[in-house]
Amino acid sequence: MGAFYVTTGIGRADSGEFEELQADTGAMWTWIPHDILERLGHKPTARRRMQTADNRVLEPDAGPVPIKIGDEVLSPLCIYGDPGSHVLLGATSMQEFSVGPDPRNERLVPVVGLLMSLFE
């Protein structure tokens, strides 16, 4: 599907524990199957409109979910995906963690965020 897989931690809603999952890096949004998020105690708080490759428009559940990459934990907005689907670590989440994909070496690498405006 995407570039490569990385190991990420998905946090439980009721504790500081994390479950390690393999996540594909080839996506815009982080997508975690609904059944996994329910098992970990998460409940959706929003919905997001998304267009599929075949031009269908979906509006899946979404909400913040604790994710651990390395030693850092953040709670980016995650899409509640179809049960049994692949876990996807999206570009929006990677951007929050200041990491990017290195497909040649199949790993995440630190990146420097851009702090600039077109109007300067």
PDB file of N, CA and C in Angstrom:
ATOM      1  N   MET A   1       0.816  -1.192   0.000  1.00  0.00           N
ATOM      2  CA  MET A   1       0.000   0.000   0.000  1.00  0.00           C
ATOM      3  C   MET A   1       0.855   1.249   0.000  1.00  0.00           C
ATOM      4  N   GLY A   2       1.729   1.407   1.006  1.00  0.00           N
ATOM      5  CA  GLY A   2       2.496   2.635   1.095  1.00  0.00           C
ATOM      6  C   GLY A   2       3.980   2.374   0.983  1.00  0.00           C
ATOM      7  N   ALA A   3       4.745   3.198   1.664  1.00  0.00           N
ATOM      8  CA  ALA A   3       6.194   3.144   1.554  1.00  0.00           C
ATOM      9  C   ALA A   3       6.789   1.946   2.298  1.00  0.00           C
ATOM     10  N   PHE A   4       6.483   1.806   3.582  1.00  0.00           N
ATOM     11  CA  PHE A   4       7.023   0.735   4.417  1.00  0.00           C
ATOM     12  C   PHE A   4       6.278   0.743   5.739  1.00  0.00           C
ATOM     13  N   TYR A   5       6.559  -0.231   6.593  1.00  0.00           N
ATOM     14  CA  TYR A   5       5.903  -0.335   7.893  1.00  0.00           C
ATOM     15  C   TYR A   5       6.852   0.093   9.010  1.00  0.00           C
ATOM     16  N   VAL A   6       6.281   0.732  10.040  1.00  0.00           N
ATOM     17  CA  VAL A   6       7.030   1.099  11.238  1.00  0.00           C
ATOM     18  C   VAL A   6       6.241   0.627  12.454  1.00  0.00           C
ATOM     19  N   THR A   7       6.947   0.412  13.555  1.00  0.00           N
ATOM     20  CA  THR A   7       6.285   0.042  14.800  1.00  0.00           C
ATOM     21  C   THR A   7       5.923   1.314  15.548  1.00  0.00           C
ATOM     22  N   THR A   8       4.653   1.423  15.924  1.00  0.00           N
ATOM     23  CA  THR A   8       4.187   2.563  16.712  1.00  0.00           C
ATOM     24  C   THR A   8       3.429   2.028  17.917  1.00  0.00           C
ATOM     25  N   GLY A   9       3.331   2.842  18.939  1.00  0.00           N
ATOM     26  CA  GLY A   9       2.539   2.484  20.112  1.00  0.00           C
ATOM     27  C   GLY A   9       1.223   3.231  20.072  1.00  0.00           C
ATOM     28  N   ILE A  10       0.128   2.519  20.318  1.00  0.00           N
ATOM     29  CA  ILE A  10      -1.202   3.125  20.405  1.00  0.00           C
ATOM     30  C   ILE A  10      -1.627   3.029  21.860  1.00  0.00           C
ATOM     31  N   GLY A  11      -1.923   4.187  22.473  1.00  0.00           N
ATOM     32  CA  GLY A  11      -2.207   4.232  23.900  1.00  0.00           C
ATOM     33  C   GLY A  11      -3.603   3.791  24.265  1.00  0.00           C
ATOM     34  N   ARG A  12      -3.705   3.180  25.428  1.00  0.00           N
ATOM     35  CA  ARG A  12      -5.008   2.846  26.006  1.00  0.00           C
ATOM     36  C   ARG A  12      -5.637   4.134  26.535  1.00  0.00           C
ATOM     37  N   ALA A  13      -6.946   4.221  26.490  1.00  0.00           N
ATOM     38  CA  ALA A  13      -7.644   5.421  26.955  1.00  0.00           C
ATOM     39  C   ALA A  13      -7.602   5.542  28.471  1.00  0.00           C
ATOM     40  N   ASP A  14      -7.481   4.432  29.192  1.00  0.00           N
ATOM     41  CA  ASP A  14      -7.621   4.442  30.645  1.00  0.00           C
ATOM     42  C   ASP A  14      -6.304   4.282  31.408  1.00  0.00           C
ATOM     43  N   SER A  15      -5.172   4.251  30.700  1.00  0.00           N
ATOM     44  CA  SER A  15      -3.887   4.086  31.389  1.00  0.00           C
ATOM     45  C   SER A  15      -2.768   4.622  30.497  1.00  0.00           C
ATOM     46  N   GLY A  16      -1.579   4.581  31.012  1.00  0.00           N
ATOM     47  CA  GLY A  16      -0.422   5.019  30.242  1.00  0.00           C
ATOM     48  C   GLY A  16       0.220   3.899  29.451  1.00  0.00           C
ATOM     49  N   GLU A  17      -0.487   2.774  29.289  1.00  0.00           N
ATOM     50  CA  GLU A  17       0.055   1.629  28.574  1.00  0.00           C
ATOM     51  C   GLU A  17      -0.145   1.791  27.070  1.00  0.00           C
ATOM     52  N   PHE A  18       0.775   1.218  26.307  1.00  0.00           N
ATOM     53  CA  PHE A  18       0.723   1.286  24.851  1.00  0.00           C
ATOM     54  C   PHE A  18       0.782  -0.113  24.258  1.00  0.00           C
ATOM     55  N   GLU A  19       0.041  -0.293  23.188  1.00  0.00           N
ATOM     56  CA  GLU A  19       0.085  -1.537  22.432  1.00  0.00           C
ATOM     57  C   GLU A  19       0.867  -1.265  21.154  1.00  0.00           C
ATOM     58  N   GLU A  20       1.882  -2.078  20.885  1.00  0.00           N
ATOM     59  CA  GLU A  20       2.672  -1.889  19.675  1.00  0.00           C
ATOM     60  C   GLU A  20       1.954  -2.478  18.472  1.00  0.00           C
ATOM     61  N   LEU A  21       1.892  -1.687  17.402  1.00  0.00           N
ATOM     62  CA  LEU A  21       1.272  -2.111  16.155  1.00  0.00           C
ATOM     63  C   LEU A  21       2.172  -1.739  14.998  1.00  0.00           C
ATOM     64  N   GLN A  22       2.112  -2.504  13.931  1.00  0.00           N
ATOM     65  CA  GLN A  22       2.817  -2.179  12.696  1.00  0.00           C
ATOM     66  C   GLN A  22       1.928  -1.249  11.891  1.00  0.00           C
ATOM     67  N   ALA A  23       2.477  -0.122  11.475  1.00  0.00           N
ATOM     68  CA  ALA A  23       1.716   0.875  10.720  1.00  0.00           C
ATOM     69  C   ALA A  23       2.375   1.138   9.376  1.00  0.00           C
ATOM     70  N   ASP A  24       1.565   1.166   8.328  1.00  0.00           N
ATOM     71  CA  ASP A  24       2.010   1.529   6.989  1.00  0.00           C
ATOM     72  C   ASP A  24       2.192   3.045   6.969  1.00  0.00           C
ATOM     73  N   THR A  25       3.198   3.545   6.266  1.00  0.00           N
ATOM     74  CA  THR A  25       3.465   4.985   6.257  1.00  0.00           C
ATOM     75  C   THR A  25       2.908   5.704   5.033  1.00  0.00           C
ATOM     76  N   GLY A  26       2.161   5.034   4.187  1.00  0.00           N
ATOM     77  CA  GLY A  26       1.714   5.663   2.947  1.00  0.00           C
ATOM     78  C   GLY A  26       0.316   6.234   3.009  1.00  0.00           C
ATOM     79  N   ALA A  27       0.068   7.223   3.867  1.00  0.00           N
ATOM     80  CA  ALA A  27      -1.278   7.785   3.989  1.00  0.00           C
ATOM     81  C   ALA A  27      -1.209   9.245   4.422  1.00  0.00           C
ATOM     82  N   MET A  28      -2.283   9.960   4.206  1.00  0.00           N
ATOM     83  CA  MET A  28      -2.383  11.355   4.653  1.00  0.00           C
ATOM     84  C   MET A  28      -2.782  11.420   6.135  1.00  0.00           C
ATOM     85  N   TRP A  29      -3.814  10.663   6.508  1.00  0.00           N
ATOM     86  CA  TRP A  29      -4.326  10.654   7.880  1.00  0.00           C
ATOM     87  C   TRP A  29      -3.926   9.361   8.572  1.00  0.00           C
ATOM     88  N   THR A  30      -3.766   9.415   9.876  1.00  0.00           N
ATOM     89  CA  THR A  30      -3.561   8.191  10.642  1.00  0.00           C
ATOM     90  C   THR A  30      -4.898   7.477  10.735  1.00  0.00           C
ATOM     91  N   TRP A  31      -4.902   6.209  10.396  1.00  0.00           N
ATOM     92  CA  TRP A  31      -6.101   5.383  10.283  1.00  0.00           C
ATOM     93  C   TRP A  31      -5.875   4.161  11.143  1.00  0.00           C
ATOM     94  N   ILE A  32      -6.701   4.000  12.162  1.00  0.00           N
ATOM     95  CA  ILE A  32      -6.598   2.840  13.046  1.00  0.00           C
ATOM     96  C   ILE A  32      -7.956   2.150  13.029  1.00  0.00           C
ATOM     97  N   PRO A  33      -7.979   0.831  12.809  1.00  0.00           N
ATOM     98  CA  PRO A  33      -9.259   0.142  12.769  1.00  0.00           C
ATOM     99  C   PRO A  33     -10.111   0.399  14.017  1.00  0.00           C
ATOM    100  N   HIS A  34     -11.391   0.618  13.777  1.00  0.00           N
ATOM    101  CA  HIS A  34     -12.363   0.941  14.819  1.00  0.00           C
ATOM    102  C   HIS A  34     -12.332  -0.089  15.948  1.00  0.00           C
ATOM    103  N   ASP A  35     -12.215  -1.388  15.606  1.00  0.00           N
ATOM    104  CA  ASP A  35     -12.234  -2.428  16.631  1.00  0.00           C
ATOM    105  C   ASP A  35     -11.029  -2.337  17.563  1.00  0.00           C
ATOM    106  N   ILE A  36      -9.877  -1.946  17.046  1.00  0.00           N
ATOM    107  CA  ILE A  36      -8.691  -1.775  17.899  1.00  0.00           C
ATOM    108  C   ILE A  36      -8.903  -0.598  18.845  1.00  0.00           C
ATOM    109  N   LEU A  37      -9.398   0.530  18.316  1.00  0.00           N
ATOM    110  CA  LEU A  37      -9.613   1.707  19.162  1.00  0.00           C
ATOM    111  C   LEU A  37     -10.655   1.439  20.234  1.00  0.00           C
ATOM    112  N   GLU A  38     -11.719   0.718  19.905  1.00  0.00           N
ATOM    113  CA  GLU A  38     -12.734   0.356  20.908  1.00  0.00           C
ATOM    114  C   GLU A  38     -12.132  -0.528  21.989  1.00  0.00           C
ATOM    115  N   ARG A  39     -11.328  -1.531  21.576  1.00  0.00           N
ATOM    116  CA  ARG A  39     -10.693  -2.428  22.540  1.00  0.00           C
ATOM    117  C   ARG A  39      -9.783  -1.662  23.494  1.00  0.00           C
ATOM    118  N   LEU A  40      -9.149  -0.594  22.990  1.00  0.00           N
ATOM    119  CA  LEU A  40      -8.252   0.219  23.819  1.00  0.00           C
ATOM    120  C   LEU A  40      -9.002   1.302  24.595  1.00  0.00           C
ATOM    121  N   GLY A  41     -10.329   1.325  24.467  1.00  0.00           N
ATOM    122  CA  GLY A  41     -11.147   2.225  25.278  1.00  0.00           C
ATOM    123  C   GLY A  41     -11.412   3.598  24.690  1.00  0.00           C
ATOM    124  N   HIS A  42     -11.118   3.809  23.404  1.00  0.00           N
ATOM    125  CA  HIS A  42     -11.324   5.121  22.787  1.00  0.00           C
ATOM    126  C   HIS A  42     -12.731   5.267  22.229  1.00  0.00           C
ATOM    127  N   LYS A  43     -13.215   6.497  22.261  1.00  0.00           N
ATOM    128  CA  LYS A  43     -14.509   6.830  21.678  1.00  0.00           C
ATOM    129  C   LYS A  43     -14.316   8.018  20.738  1.00  0.00           C
ATOM    130  N   PRO A  44     -14.945   7.978  19.566  1.00  0.00           N
ATOM    131  CA  PRO A  44     -14.782   9.089  18.619  1.00  0.00           C
ATOM    132  C   PRO A  44     -15.390  10.381  19.149  1.00  0.00           C
ATOM    133  N   THR A  45     -14.791  11.491  18.749  1.00  0.00           N
ATOM    134  CA  THR A  45     -15.283  12.810  19.169  1.00  0.00           C
ATOM    135  C   THR A  45     -15.618  13.704  17.982  1.00  0.00           C
ATOM    136  N   ALA A  46     -15.334  13.231  16.773  1.00  0.00           N
ATOM    137  CA  ALA A  46     -15.536  14.054  15.575  1.00  0.00           C
ATOM    138  C   ALA A  46     -15.761  13.135  14.381  1.00  0.00           C
ATOM    139  N   ARG A  47     -15.968  13.755  13.243  1.00  0.00           N
ATOM    140  CA  ARG A  47     -16.046  13.041  11.960  1.00  0.00           C
ATOM    141  C   ARG A  47     -15.235  13.852  10.954  1.00  0.00           C
ATOM    142  N   ARG A  48     -14.702  13.186   9.937  1.00  0.00           N
ATOM    143  CA  ARG A  48     -13.953  13.871   8.889  1.00  0.00           C
ATOM    144  C   ARG A  48     -14.421  13.367   7.529  1.00  0.00           C
ATOM    145  N   ARG A  49     -14.650  14.313   6.619  1.00  0.00           N
ATOM    146  CA  ARG A  49     -15.014  13.945   5.242  1.00  0.00           C
ATOM    147  C   ARG A  49     -13.740  13.594   4.487  1.00  0.00           C
ATOM    148  N   MET A  50     -13.784  12.456   3.775  1.00  0.00           N
ATOM    149  CA  MET A  50     -12.620  11.972   3.043  1.00  0.00           C
ATOM    150  C   MET A  50     -13.078  11.439   1.702  1.00  0.00           C
ATOM    151  N   GLN A  51     -12.249  11.647   0.687  1.00  0.00           N
ATOM    152  CA  GLN A  51     -12.554  11.135  -0.642  1.00  0.00           C
ATOM    153  C   GLN A  51     -11.637   9.955  -0.947  1.00  0.00           C
ATOM    154  N   THR A  52     -12.215   8.883  -1.469  1.00  0.00           N
ATOM    155  CA  THR A  52     -11.450   7.691  -1.810  1.00  0.00           C
ATOM    156  C   THR A  52     -10.908   7.803  -3.227  1.00  0.00           C
ATOM    157  N   ALA A  53     -10.026   6.887  -3.586  1.00  0.00           N
ATOM    158  CA  ALA A  53      -9.436   6.893  -4.933  1.00  0.00           C
ATOM    159  C   ALA A  53     -10.482   6.713  -6.028  1.00  0.00           C
ATOM    160  N   ASP A  54     -11.609   6.061  -5.696  1.00  0.00           N
ATOM    161  CA  ASP A  54     -12.672   5.888  -6.694  1.00  0.00           C
ATOM    162  C   ASP A  54     -13.755   6.962  -6.573  1.00  0.00           C
ATOM    163  N   ASN A  55     -13.405   8.091  -5.959  1.00  0.00           N
ATOM    164  CA  ASN A  55     -14.241   9.297  -5.854  1.00  0.00           C
ATOM    165  C   ASN A  55     -15.446   9.183  -4.923  1.00  0.00           C
ATOM    166  N   ARG A  56     -15.502   8.155  -4.094  1.00  0.00           N
ATOM    167  CA  ARG A  56     -16.559   8.110  -3.079  1.00  0.00           C
ATOM    168  C   ARG A  56     -16.174   9.063  -1.949  1.00  0.00           C
ATOM    169  N   VAL A  57     -17.164   9.672  -1.314  1.00  0.00           N
ATOM    170  CA  VAL A  57     -16.908  10.535  -0.163  1.00  0.00           C
ATOM    171  C   VAL A  57     -17.425   9.803   1.077  1.00  0.00           C
ATOM    172  N   LEU A  58     -16.531   9.608   2.032  1.00  0.00           N
ATOM    173  CA  LEU A  58     -16.858   8.956   3.301  1.00  0.00           C
ATOM    174  C   LEU A  58     -16.797   9.984   4.413  1.00  0.00           C
ATOM    175  N   GLU A  59     -17.446   9.691   5.522  1.00  0.00           N
ATOM    176  CA  GLU A  59     -17.365  10.561   6.691  1.00  0.00           C
ATOM    177  C   GLU A  59     -17.183   9.700   7.938  1.00  0.00           C
ATOM    178  N   PRO A  60     -15.975   9.115   8.094  1.00  0.00           N
ATOM    179  CA  PRO A  60     -15.735   8.228   9.230  1.00  0.00           C
ATOM    180  C   PRO A  60     -15.571   8.990  10.550  1.00  0.00           C
ATOM    181  N   ASP A  61     -15.743   8.238  11.637  1.00  0.00           N
ATOM    182  CA  ASP A  61     -15.486   8.776  12.969  1.00  0.00           C
ATOM    183  C   ASP A  61     -14.009   9.126  13.097  1.00  0.00           C
ATOM    184  N   ALA A  62     -13.706  10.048  14.008  1.00  0.00           N
ATOM    185  CA  ALA A  62     -12.327  10.469  14.264  1.00  0.00           C
ATOM    186  C   ALA A  62     -12.208  10.937  15.707  1.00  0.00           C
ATOM    187  N   GLY A  63     -10.995  11.053  16.176  1.00  0.00           N
ATOM    188  CA  GLY A  63     -10.755  11.579  17.513  1.00  0.00           C
ATOM    189  C   GLY A  63      -9.282  11.509  17.859  1.00  0.00           C
ATOM    190  N   PRO A  64      -8.868  12.230  18.899  1.00  0.00           N
ATOM    191  CA  PRO A  64      -7.465  12.187  19.318  1.00  0.00           C
ATOM    192  C   PRO A  64      -7.145  10.850  19.980  1.00  0.00           C
ATOM    193  N   VAL A  65      -5.980  10.311  19.640  1.00  0.00           N
ATOM    194  CA  VAL A  65      -5.538   9.019  20.181  1.00  0.00           C
ATOM    195  C   VAL A  65      -4.060   9.144  20.536  1.00  0.00           C
ATOM    196  N   PRO A  66      -3.657   8.746  21.747  1.00  0.00           N
ATOM    197  CA  PRO A  66      -2.236   8.796  22.088  1.00  0.00           C
ATOM    198  C   PRO A  66      -1.428   7.828  21.222  1.00  0.00           C
ATOM    199  N   ILE A  67      -0.389   8.361  20.601  1.00  0.00           N
ATOM    200  CA  ILE A  67       0.512   7.565  19.780  1.00  0.00           C
ATOM    201  C   ILE A  67       1.922   7.798  20.289  1.00  0.00           C
ATOM    202  N   LYS A  68       2.698   6.728  20.324  1.00  0.00           N
ATOM    203  CA  LYS A  68       4.087   6.819  20.777  1.00  0.00           C
ATOM    204  C   LYS A  68       5.007   6.454  19.632  1.00  0.00           C
ATOM    205  N   ILE A  69       5.917   7.366  19.327  1.00  0.00           N
ATOM    206  CA  ILE A  69       6.985   7.108  18.362  1.00  0.00           C
ATOM    207  C   ILE A  69       8.288   7.411  19.086  1.00  0.00           C
ATOM    208  N   GLY A  70       9.122   6.409  19.226  1.00  0.00           N
ATOM    209  CA  GLY A  70      10.340   6.576  20.029  1.00  0.00           C
ATOM    210  C   GLY A  70       9.931   6.826  21.473  1.00  0.00           C
ATOM    211  N   ASP A  71      10.445   7.908  22.059  1.00  0.00           N
ATOM    212  CA  ASP A  71      10.107   8.249  23.442  1.00  0.00           C
ATOM    213  C   ASP A  71       9.035   9.327  23.539  1.00  0.00           C
ATOM    214  N   GLU A  72       8.556   9.815  22.408  1.00  0.00           N
ATOM    215  CA  GLU A  72       7.592  10.922  22.415  1.00  0.00           C
ATOM    216  C   GLU A  72       6.160  10.404  22.274  1.00  0.00           C
ATOM    217  N   VAL A  73       5.252  11.031  23.023  1.00  0.00           N
ATOM    218  CA  VAL A  73       3.831  10.690  22.963  1.00  0.00           C
ATOM    219  C   VAL A  73       3.046  11.948  22.625  1.00  0.00           C
ATOM    220  N   LEU A  74       2.225  11.854  21.589  1.00  0.00           N
ATOM    221  CA  LEU A  74       1.311  12.927  21.195  1.00  0.00           C
ATOM    222  C   LEU A  74      -0.057  12.303  20.939  1.00  0.00           C
ATOM    223  N   SER A  75      -1.080  13.143  20.846  1.00  0.00           N
ATOM    224  CA  SER A  75      -2.434  12.648  20.572  1.00  0.00           C
ATOM    225  C   SER A  75      -2.998  13.302  19.315  1.00  0.00           C
ATOM    226  N   PRO A  76      -2.524  12.886  18.149  1.00  0.00           N
ATOM    227  CA  PRO A  76      -3.051  13.464  16.911  1.00  0.00           C
ATOM    228  C   PRO A  76      -4.456  12.946  16.612  1.00  0.00           C
ATOM    229  N   LEU A  77      -5.149  13.653  15.741  1.00  0.00           N
ATOM    230  CA  LEU A  77      -6.461  13.210  15.293  1.00  0.00           C
ATOM    231  C   LEU A  77      -6.285  11.962  14.449  1.00  0.00           C
ATOM    232  N   CYS A  78      -7.019  10.919  14.786  1.00  0.00           N
ATOM    233  CA  CYS A  78      -6.944   9.651  14.062  1.00  0.00           C
ATOM    234  C   CYS A  78      -8.312   9.300  13.510  1.00  0.00           C
ATOM    235  N   ILE A  79      -8.314   8.665  12.348  1.00  0.00           N
ATOM    236  CA  ILE A  79      -9.537   8.202  11.723  1.00  0.00           C
ATOM    237  C   ILE A  79      -9.837   6.796  12.230  1.00  0.00           C
ATOM    238  N   TYR A  80     -11.101   6.554  12.585  1.00  0.00           N
ATOM    239  CA  TYR A  80     -11.558   5.236  13.014  1.00  0.00           C
ATOM    240  C   TYR A  80     -11.833   4.422  11.746  1.00  0.00           C
ATOM    241  N   GLY A  81     -10.896   3.558  11.392  1.00  0.00           N
ATOM    242  CA  GLY A  81     -10.980   2.817  10.141  1.00  0.00           C
ATOM    243  C   GLY A  81     -11.869   1.596  10.217  1.00  0.00           C
ATOM    244  N   ASP A  82     -12.053   0.991   9.063  1.00  0.00           N
ATOM    245  CA  ASP A  82     -12.855  -0.223   8.962  1.00  0.00           C
ATOM    246  C   ASP A  82     -12.233  -1.323   9.818  1.00  0.00           C
ATOM    247  N   PRO A  83     -13.061  -2.103  10.536  1.00  0.00           N
ATOM    248  CA  PRO A  83     -12.526  -3.215  11.320  1.00  0.00           C
ATOM    249  C   PRO A  83     -11.709  -4.154  10.433  1.00  0.00           C
ATOM    250  N   GLY A  84     -10.552  -4.565  10.938  1.00  0.00           N
ATOM    251  CA  GLY A  84      -9.698  -5.486  10.208  1.00  0.00           C
ATOM    252  C   GLY A  84      -8.805  -4.848   9.158  1.00  0.00           C
ATOM    253  N   SER A  85      -8.905  -3.536   8.958  1.00  0.00           N
ATOM    254  CA  SER A  85      -8.071  -2.876   7.961  1.00  0.00           C
ATOM    255  C   SER A  85      -6.666  -2.639   8.517  1.00  0.00           C
ATOM    256  N   HIS A  86      -5.755  -2.205   7.643  1.00  0.00           N
ATOM    257  CA  HIS A  86      -4.379  -1.919   8.043  1.00  0.00           C
ATOM    258  C   HIS A  86      -4.313  -0.652   8.883  1.00  0.00           C
ATOM    259  N   VAL A  87      -3.351  -0.601   9.801  1.00  0.00           N
ATOM    260  CA  VAL A  87      -3.041   0.624  10.538  1.00  0.00           C
ATOM    261  C   VAL A  87      -2.179   1.487   9.638  1.00  0.00           C
ATOM    262  N   LEU A  88      -2.537   2.762   9.519  1.00  0.00           N
ATOM    263  CA  LEU A  88      -1.791   3.700   8.689  1.00  0.00           C
ATOM    264  C   LEU A  88      -1.297   4.849   9.557  1.00  0.00           C
ATOM    265  N   LEU A  89      -0.007   5.136   9.515  1.00  0.00           N
ATOM    266  CA  LEU A  89       0.551   6.303  10.189  1.00  0.00           C
ATOM    267  C   LEU A  89       0.598   7.414   9.159  1.00  0.00           C
ATOM    268  N   GLY A  90      -0.283   8.386   9.298  1.00  0.00           N
ATOM    269  CA  GLY A  90      -0.437   9.416   8.288  1.00  0.00           C
ATOM    270  C   GLY A  90       0.593  10.526   8.354  1.00  0.00           C
ATOM    271  N   ALA A  91       0.706  11.216   7.233  1.00  0.00           N
ATOM    272  CA  ALA A  91       1.636  12.339   7.115  1.00  0.00           C
ATOM    273  C   ALA A  91       1.325  13.435   8.123  1.00  0.00           C
ATOM    274  N   THR A  92       0.028  13.649   8.418  1.00  0.00           N
ATOM    275  CA  THR A  92      -0.318  14.699   9.384  1.00  0.00           C
ATOM    276  C   THR A  92       0.241  14.368  10.767  1.00  0.00           C
ATOM    277  N   SER A  93       0.185  13.097  11.167  1.00  0.00           N
ATOM    278  CA  SER A  93       0.752  12.696  12.460  1.00  0.00           C
ATOM    279  C   SER A  93       2.269  12.759  12.440  1.00  0.00           C
ATOM    280  N   MET A  94       2.877  12.297  11.344  1.00  0.00           N
ATOM    281  CA  MET A  94       4.341  12.356  11.261  1.00  0.00           C
ATOM    282  C   MET A  94       4.822  13.799  11.366  1.00  0.00           C
ATOM    283  N   GLN A  95       4.074  14.716  10.748  1.00  0.00           N
ATOM    284  CA  GLN A  95       4.439  16.127  10.809  1.00  0.00           C
ATOM    285  C   GLN A  95       4.412  16.621  12.253  1.00  0.00           C
ATOM    286  N   GLU A  96       3.416  16.203  13.033  1.00  0.00           N
ATOM    287  CA  GLU A  96       3.336  16.611  14.441  1.00  0.00           C
ATOM    288  C   GLU A  96       4.527  16.082  15.239  1.00  0.00           C
ATOM    289  N   PHE A  97       5.003  14.886  14.890  1.00  0.00           N
ATOM    290  CA  PHE A  97       6.154  14.296  15.578  1.00  0.00           C
ATOM    291  C   PHE A  97       7.492  14.798  15.031  1.00  0.00           C
ATOM    292  N   SER A  98       7.473  15.627  13.999  1.00  0.00           N
ATOM    293  CA  SER A  98       8.687  16.116  13.333  1.00  0.00           C
ATOM    294  C   SER A  98       9.546  14.973  12.816  1.00  0.00           C
ATOM    295  N   VAL A  99       8.879  13.995  12.196  1.00  0.00           N
ATOM    296  CA  VAL A  99       9.582  12.903  11.535  1.00  0.00           C
ATOM    297  C   VAL A  99       9.028  12.770  10.119  1.00  0.00           C
ATOM    298  N   GLY A 100       9.809  12.163   9.280  1.00  0.00           N
ATOM    299  CA  GLY A 100       9.385  11.904   7.916  1.00  0.00           C
ATOM    300  C   GLY A 100       9.847  10.528   7.488  1.00  0.00           C
ATOM    301  N   PRO A 101       9.243   9.987   6.434  1.00  0.00           N
ATOM    302  CA  PRO A 101       9.636   8.650   5.977  1.00  0.00           C
ATOM    303  C   PRO A 101      10.935   8.678   5.184  1.00  0.00           C
ATOM    304  N   ASP A 102      11.776   7.719   5.452  1.00  0.00           N
ATOM    305  CA  ASP A 102      12.979   7.468   4.661  1.00  0.00           C
ATOM    306  C   ASP A 102      12.749   6.105   4.004  1.00  0.00           C
ATOM    307  N   PRO A 103      12.111   6.090   2.811  1.00  0.00           N
ATOM    308  CA  PRO A 103      11.749   4.815   2.202  1.00  0.00           C
ATOM    309  C   PRO A 103      12.941   3.957   1.781  1.00  0.00           C
ATOM    310  N   ARG A 104      14.051   4.590   1.506  1.00  0.00           N
ATOM    311  CA  ARG A 104      15.242   3.819   1.103  1.00  0.00           C
ATOM    312  C   ARG A 104      15.730   2.926   2.235  1.00  0.00           C
ATOM    313  N   ASN A 105      15.756   3.491   3.454  1.00  0.00           N
ATOM    314  CA  ASN A 105      16.219   2.730   4.628  1.00  0.00           C
ATOM    315  C   ASN A 105      15.064   2.204   5.470  1.00  0.00           C
ATOM    316  N   GLU A 106      13.836   2.445   5.017  1.00  0.00           N
ATOM    317  CA  GLU A 106      12.611   1.975   5.679  1.00  0.00           C
ATOM    318  C   GLU A 106      12.593   2.309   7.171  1.00  0.00           C
ATOM    319  N   ARG A 107      12.668   3.604   7.442  1.00  0.00           N
ATOM    320  CA  ARG A 107      12.608   4.087   8.823  1.00  0.00           C
ATOM    321  C   ARG A 107      12.107   5.521   8.823  1.00  0.00           C
ATOM    322  N   LEU A 108      11.740   5.989  10.004  1.00  0.00           N
ATOM    323  CA  LEU A 108      11.369   7.389  10.183  1.00  0.00           C
ATOM    324  C   LEU A 108      12.618   8.157  10.584  1.00  0.00           C
ATOM    325  N   VAL A 109      12.750   9.364  10.056  1.00  0.00           N
ATOM    326  CA  VAL A 109      13.914  10.186  10.364  1.00  0.00           C
ATOM    327  C   VAL A 109      13.442  11.559  10.850  1.00  0.00           C
ATOM    328  N   PRO A 110      14.223  12.210  11.698  1.00  0.00           N
ATOM    329  CA  PRO A 110      13.858  13.558  12.155  1.00  0.00           C
ATOM    330  C   PRO A 110      13.842  14.540  10.983  1.00  0.00           C
ATOM    331  N   VAL A 111      12.895  15.454  11.005  1.00  0.00           N
ATOM    332  CA  VAL A 111      12.848  16.526  10.009  1.00  0.00           C
ATOM    333  C   VAL A 111      12.698  17.857  10.736  1.00  0.00           C
ATOM    334  N   VAL A 112      13.137  18.905  10.089  1.00  0.00           N
ATOM    335  CA  VAL A 112      13.009  20.252  10.640  1.00  0.00           C
ATOM    336  C   VAL A 112      11.717  20.847  10.093  1.00  0.00           C
ATOM    337  N   GLY A 113      10.863  21.301  10.978  1.00  0.00           N
ATOM    338  CA  GLY A 113       9.614  21.920  10.548  1.00  0.00           C
ATOM    339  C   GLY A 113       9.856  23.284   9.926  1.00  0.00           C
ATOM    340  N   LEU A 114       8.957  23.670   9.046  1.00  0.00           N
ATOM    341  CA  LEU A 114       9.063  24.975   8.389  1.00  0.00           C
ATOM    342  C   LEU A 114       8.232  26.007   9.142  1.00  0.00           C
ATOM    343  N   LEU A 115       8.838  27.118   9.470  1.00  0.00           N
ATOM    344  CA  LEU A 115       8.152  28.218  10.136  1.00  0.00           C
ATOM    345  C   LEU A 115       8.351  29.449   9.274  1.00  0.00           C
ATOM    346  N   MET A 116       7.521  29.548   8.256  1.00  0.00           N
ATOM    347  CA  MET A 116       7.635  30.688   7.343  1.00  0.00           C
ATOM    348  C   MET A 116       6.285  30.961   6.707  1.00  0.00           C
ATOM    349  N   SER A 117       6.161  32.123   6.165  1.00  0.00           N
ATOM    350  CA  SER A 117       4.914  32.551   5.540  1.00  0.00           C
ATOM    351  C   SER A 117       5.182  32.974   4.105  1.00  0.00           C
ATOM    352  N   LEU A 118       4.189  32.820   3.275  1.00  0.00           N
ATOM    353  CA  LEU A 118       4.299  33.312   1.896  1.00  0.00           C
ATOM    354  C   LEU A 118       4.222  34.826   1.841  1.00  0.00           C
ATOM    355  N   PHE A 119       3.810  35.442   2.937  1.00  0.00           N
ATOM    356  CA  PHE A 119       3.548  36.879   2.942  1.00  0.00           C
ATOM    357  C   PHE A 119       4.647  37.677   3.636  1.00  0.00           C
ATOM    358  N   GLU A 120       5.800  37.097   3.884  1.00  0.00           N
ATOM    359  CA  GLU A 120       6.886  37.830   4.538  1.00  0.00           C
ATOM    360  C   GLU A 120       7.611  38.735   3.563  1.00  0.00           C
TER     361      GLU A 120
END
